[in-house]
């Protein structure tokens, strides 16, 4: 297994982890909306979900970049 293969598989794992975080955000927001929370509690949950969502998007982007770099550099 070469370094390029490691880049590709690490990038794929990071992308899947980011995707899992995005799915978690969708489920958390849906539960919060159905929970009948007041505005302040809903705002706190939304702020946490937005933070996790941004981190998940960043992880997915970096993972996809690793995959592309690994594919381009592979001999």
N, C-alpha and C. Protein backbone atom coordinates (compact mmCIF):
# COMPACT_ATOMS: atom_id res chain seq x y z
N UNK A 1 0.85 -1.17 0.00
CA UNK A 1 0.00 0.00 0.00
C UNK A 1 0.90 1.24 0.00
N UNK A 2 0.69 2.09 -0.97
CA UNK A 2 1.53 3.28 -1.10
C UNK A 2 0.93 4.45 -0.33
N UNK A 3 1.69 5.52 -0.27
CA UNK A 3 1.23 6.72 0.42
C UNK A 3 0.00 7.30 -0.28
N UNK A 4 -0.09 7.09 -1.59
CA UNK A 4 -1.23 7.61 -2.33
C UNK A 4 -2.51 6.86 -1.98
N UNK A 5 -2.38 5.56 -1.80
CA UNK A 5 -3.53 4.78 -1.35
C UNK A 5 -3.99 5.20 0.04
N UNK A 6 -3.01 5.47 0.89
CA UNK A 6 -3.34 5.93 2.24
C UNK A 6 -4.06 7.27 2.19
N UNK A 7 -3.60 8.18 1.32
CA UNK A 7 -4.27 9.47 1.15
C UNK A 7 -5.72 9.28 0.70
N UNK A 8 -5.91 8.39 -0.25
CA UNK A 8 -7.26 8.16 -0.79
C UNK A 8 -8.18 7.59 0.29
N UNK A 9 -7.71 6.58 1.01
CA UNK A 9 -8.56 5.94 2.02
C UNK A 9 -8.79 6.85 3.23
N UNK A 10 -7.77 7.61 3.62
CA UNK A 10 -7.94 8.55 4.73
C UNK A 10 -8.93 9.65 4.34
N UNK A 11 -8.82 10.11 3.11
CA UNK A 11 -9.76 11.13 2.63
C UNK A 11 -11.18 10.60 2.57
N UNK A 12 -11.33 9.36 2.14
CA UNK A 12 -12.67 8.76 2.09
C UNK A 12 -13.26 8.61 3.49
N UNK A 13 -12.43 8.22 4.44
CA UNK A 13 -12.90 8.08 5.82
C UNK A 13 -13.29 9.43 6.41
N UNK A 14 -12.49 10.45 6.13
CA UNK A 14 -12.80 11.79 6.63
C UNK A 14 -14.07 12.33 5.99
N UNK A 15 -14.25 12.05 4.72
CA UNK A 15 -15.48 12.47 4.03
C UNK A 15 -16.70 11.79 4.64
N UNK A 16 -16.60 10.49 4.91
CA UNK A 16 -17.72 9.78 5.51
C UNK A 16 -18.01 10.27 6.93
N UNK A 17 -16.97 10.62 7.67
CA UNK A 17 -17.18 11.18 9.01
C UNK A 17 -17.89 12.52 8.92
N UNK A 18 -17.52 13.34 7.96
CA UNK A 18 -18.20 14.61 7.76
C UNK A 18 -19.65 14.42 7.35
N UNK A 19 -19.89 13.45 6.50
CA UNK A 19 -21.26 13.15 6.08
C UNK A 19 -22.10 12.68 7.26
N UNK A 20 -21.51 11.88 8.13
CA UNK A 20 -22.23 11.44 9.34
C UNK A 20 -22.59 12.63 10.23
N UNK A 21 -21.69 13.59 10.33
CA UNK A 21 -21.97 14.79 11.11
C UNK A 21 -23.09 15.61 10.50
N UNK A 22 -23.14 15.71 9.19
CA UNK A 22 -24.21 16.44 8.52
C UNK A 22 -25.55 15.75 8.74
N UNK A 23 -25.56 14.43 8.66
CA UNK A 23 -26.80 13.68 8.91
C UNK A 23 -27.24 13.86 10.36
N UNK A 24 -26.28 13.88 11.29
CA UNK A 24 -26.62 14.13 12.69
C UNK A 24 -27.29 15.49 12.84
N UNK A 25 -26.77 16.50 12.15
CA UNK A 25 -27.34 17.85 12.22
C UNK A 25 -28.78 17.85 11.74
N UNK A 26 -29.05 17.17 10.65
CA UNK A 26 -30.40 17.12 10.10
C UNK A 26 -31.35 16.49 11.12
N UNK A 27 -30.93 15.38 11.70
CA UNK A 27 -31.78 14.68 12.68
C UNK A 27 -31.97 15.53 13.93
N UNK A 28 -30.91 16.19 14.40
CA UNK A 28 -31.00 17.00 15.61
C UNK A 28 -31.94 18.19 15.41
N UNK A 29 -31.87 18.83 14.27
CA UNK A 29 -32.74 19.97 14.00
C UNK A 29 -34.19 19.51 13.87
N UNK A 30 -34.42 18.39 13.21
CA UNK A 30 -35.78 17.87 13.06
C UNK A 30 -36.38 17.54 14.43
N UNK A 31 -35.59 16.93 15.31
CA UNK A 31 -36.07 16.61 16.66
C UNK A 31 -36.33 17.87 17.47
N UNK A 32 -35.48 18.87 17.31
CA UNK A 32 -35.65 20.11 18.07
C UNK A 32 -36.91 20.84 17.64
N UNK A 33 -37.20 20.82 16.35
CA UNK A 33 -38.40 21.49 15.87
C UNK A 33 -39.66 20.77 16.31
N UNK A 34 -39.62 19.45 16.33
CA UNK A 34 -40.78 18.68 16.75
C UNK A 34 -40.94 18.66 18.27
N UNK A 35 -39.89 19.04 18.99
CA UNK A 35 -39.91 18.99 20.44
C UNK A 35 -40.75 20.06 21.10
N UNK A 36 -41.16 21.06 20.35
CA UNK A 36 -41.98 22.11 20.93
C UNK A 36 -41.24 22.98 21.93
N UNK A 37 -39.98 23.26 21.66
CA UNK A 37 -39.18 24.07 22.57
C UNK A 37 -39.52 25.55 22.40
N UNK A 38 -39.23 26.32 23.45
CA UNK A 38 -39.41 27.76 23.31
C UNK A 38 -38.28 28.34 22.46
N UNK A 39 -38.38 29.62 22.13
CA UNK A 39 -37.43 30.23 21.20
C UNK A 39 -35.99 30.19 21.70
N UNK A 40 -35.79 30.44 22.98
CA UNK A 40 -34.43 30.48 23.52
C UNK A 40 -33.77 29.10 23.47
N UNK A 41 -34.50 28.07 23.86
CA UNK A 41 -33.95 26.71 23.84
C UNK A 41 -33.70 26.25 22.40
N UNK A 42 -34.61 26.59 21.50
CA UNK A 42 -34.44 26.22 20.09
C UNK A 42 -33.23 26.93 19.50
N UNK A 43 -33.03 28.18 19.87
CA UNK A 43 -31.88 28.93 19.37
C UNK A 43 -30.56 28.31 19.84
N UNK A 44 -30.52 27.87 21.09
CA UNK A 44 -29.29 27.24 21.61
C UNK A 44 -29.00 25.95 20.86
N UNK A 45 -30.02 25.15 20.63
CA UNK A 45 -29.81 23.89 19.89
C UNK A 45 -29.41 24.16 18.45
N UNK A 46 -29.99 25.18 17.85
CA UNK A 46 -29.64 25.52 16.46
C UNK A 46 -28.20 26.01 16.36
N UNK A 47 -27.74 26.79 17.33
CA UNK A 47 -26.36 27.27 17.32
C UNK A 47 -25.38 26.11 17.42
N UNK A 48 -25.70 25.14 18.25
CA UNK A 48 -24.82 23.97 18.37
C UNK A 48 -24.81 23.17 17.06
N UNK A 49 -25.99 23.01 16.48
CA UNK A 49 -26.08 22.25 15.23
C UNK A 49 -25.36 22.96 14.09
N UNK A 50 -25.43 24.28 14.06
CA UNK A 50 -24.73 25.03 13.01
C UNK A 50 -23.22 24.88 13.16
N UNK A 51 -22.73 24.89 14.39
CA UNK A 51 -21.30 24.70 14.64
C UNK A 51 -20.85 23.32 14.17
N UNK A 52 -21.61 22.30 14.53
CA UNK A 52 -21.26 20.93 14.10
C UNK A 52 -21.38 20.81 12.59
N UNK A 53 -22.38 21.48 12.01
CA UNK A 53 -22.57 21.42 10.56
C UNK A 53 -21.37 22.03 9.83
N UNK A 54 -20.90 23.17 10.29
CA UNK A 54 -19.74 23.81 9.64
C UNK A 54 -18.49 22.94 9.77
N UNK A 55 -18.29 22.35 10.94
CA UNK A 55 -17.13 21.47 11.12
C UNK A 55 -17.25 20.23 10.23
N UNK A 56 -18.45 19.71 10.08
CA UNK A 56 -18.67 18.54 9.23
C UNK A 56 -18.44 18.87 7.76
N UNK A 57 -18.90 20.03 7.34
CA UNK A 57 -18.66 20.46 5.96
C UNK A 57 -17.17 20.64 5.69
N UNK A 58 -16.46 21.22 6.66
CA UNK A 58 -15.02 21.38 6.50
C UNK A 58 -14.31 20.03 6.42
N UNK A 59 -14.71 19.10 7.27
CA UNK A 59 -14.10 17.76 7.25
C UNK A 59 -14.37 17.06 5.92
N UNK A 60 -15.59 17.18 5.42
CA UNK A 60 -15.93 16.56 4.14
C UNK A 60 -15.12 17.17 3.01
N UNK A 61 -14.97 18.48 3.04
CA UNK A 61 -14.21 19.15 1.99
C UNK A 61 -12.75 18.74 2.02
N UNK A 62 -12.16 18.72 3.19
CA UNK A 62 -10.76 18.31 3.30
C UNK A 62 -10.59 16.86 2.89
N UNK A 63 -11.54 16.01 3.26
CA UNK A 63 -11.47 14.60 2.86
C UNK A 63 -11.56 14.43 1.36
N UNK A 64 -12.45 15.17 0.73
CA UNK A 64 -12.54 15.08 -0.73
C UNK A 64 -11.29 15.61 -1.41
N UNK A 65 -10.69 16.65 -0.83
CA UNK A 65 -9.43 17.15 -1.40
C UNK A 65 -8.33 16.11 -1.27
N UNK A 66 -8.29 15.40 -0.15
CA UNK A 66 -7.29 14.34 0.01
C UNK A 66 -7.48 13.23 -1.03
N UNK A 67 -8.72 12.88 -1.29
CA UNK A 67 -9.00 11.85 -2.30
C UNK A 67 -8.53 12.32 -3.67
N UNK A 68 -8.86 13.54 -4.03
CA UNK A 68 -8.47 14.06 -5.35
C UNK A 68 -6.95 14.15 -5.47
N UNK A 69 -6.28 14.63 -4.44
CA UNK A 69 -4.82 14.72 -4.48
C UNK A 69 -4.20 13.33 -4.59
N UNK A 70 -4.73 12.37 -3.84
CA UNK A 70 -4.22 11.01 -3.92
C UNK A 70 -4.40 10.39 -5.29
N UNK A 71 -5.53 10.69 -5.93
CA UNK A 71 -5.79 10.15 -7.27
C UNK A 71 -4.88 10.82 -8.31
N UNK A 72 -4.74 12.13 -8.21
CA UNK A 72 -3.90 12.85 -9.18
C UNK A 72 -2.43 12.48 -9.07
N UNK A 73 -1.94 12.27 -7.87
CA UNK A 73 -0.52 11.99 -7.68
C UNK A 73 -0.17 10.52 -7.83
N UNK A 74 -1.18 9.66 -7.87
CA UNK A 74 -0.89 8.22 -7.98
C UNK A 74 -0.27 7.92 -9.34
N UNK A 75 0.85 7.23 -9.32
CA UNK A 75 1.55 6.94 -10.60
C UNK A 75 0.82 5.93 -11.46
